[in-house]
Amino acid sequence: MNYQSPKHLQAAILDWAGTVVDFGSFAPTQIFVEAFAEFGVAVSLEEARGPMGMGKWDHIRTLCDVPDIAARYEAKFGRTPTDDDVTAIYERFMPLQIEKIAEHSALIPGALEAIAAVRGKGLKVGSCSGYPKVVMDKVVALAERNGYVADHVVATDEVPNGRPHPAQALANVIALGISDVAACVKVDDTTPGILEGRSAGMWTVALTLSGNALGLTWEQFQALPEARRAEERARIGQLFEGSRPHYLIDTIADLPAVIDDINARLARGEMPQGC
């Protein structure tokens, strides 16, 4: 038996916040600010966005390791944050997240149409997120009311290691019955999410304007002059350089054309690991 490389894509593995729902990725970031504030430690929205894409406990641990934030915590409590302190913040973060997730549950404009087009090209739709399952269940239910149902969902606490490790993406491969990781494309608005796809051996598509890196609401984005949008594309593209996405697009609305291009490359014998 000989190895045969795939000739077309079989699945798209989609992120959630900033990719399919919650334009600007506000649901997770704003709650980090509020959770730290309840401990009397100021964290800006810009600081909170820094580690976006990681599991939420790891995200808080990373924030606590930022020198400026650690110094503020030490000024308040007389010590830098331990893992127990991180857990205490996480345990306050979780109910806040569950309580307020509905405030940022709207589907990103064009998402339903793009996903329908992707399915029309024969792909299954998997998904994963930095949210734990207790939050993910609510996100999934809200999305279903708005017309989006993924074929499979993997929360960050359902695998041994969250992003940037490949476990969530690979769990989708197994559940969806995909024959080859090179027949999958991972779509995400964060560097850890792109690294996840890269580490899993998949094609990767980074979203530049709908997610965490731009951090604007849909209305604010719509108001941006085209020259400013071009500047932001270039800036955010540089942020993604180290994770080496195969494609950069504005929002998920641009995904169907990328699917066609990847299928053409697979038909020519190209593989994501060599690009």
Foldseek 3Di string as FASTA:
>chain_A
DDDDFDLAAAAEAEEADLAWWQFLRPLQLVLLQVLVVVLVFGDDSLLLLVVAQAAPLVSLVVSLPPVVRQVSVCVSVVHRDDSVNSVVSVVSSVVVSQVCVLVTQGTDPLNVVLVVLVVVVNYAYHYEYSYAPVNVVVSQVSVVVVPDHHPYYDYQVNFPGGFLAQGRVVVRCVVVVPDDQQSYEYEEQDLRSLSNSLNSQYAYEHAQARYNQPNDGPVVVVPDDPVVVVVSQVVSVVVNVVSDHPYYDHHSSPVSVVSVVSSVCVNVVDTSNVD
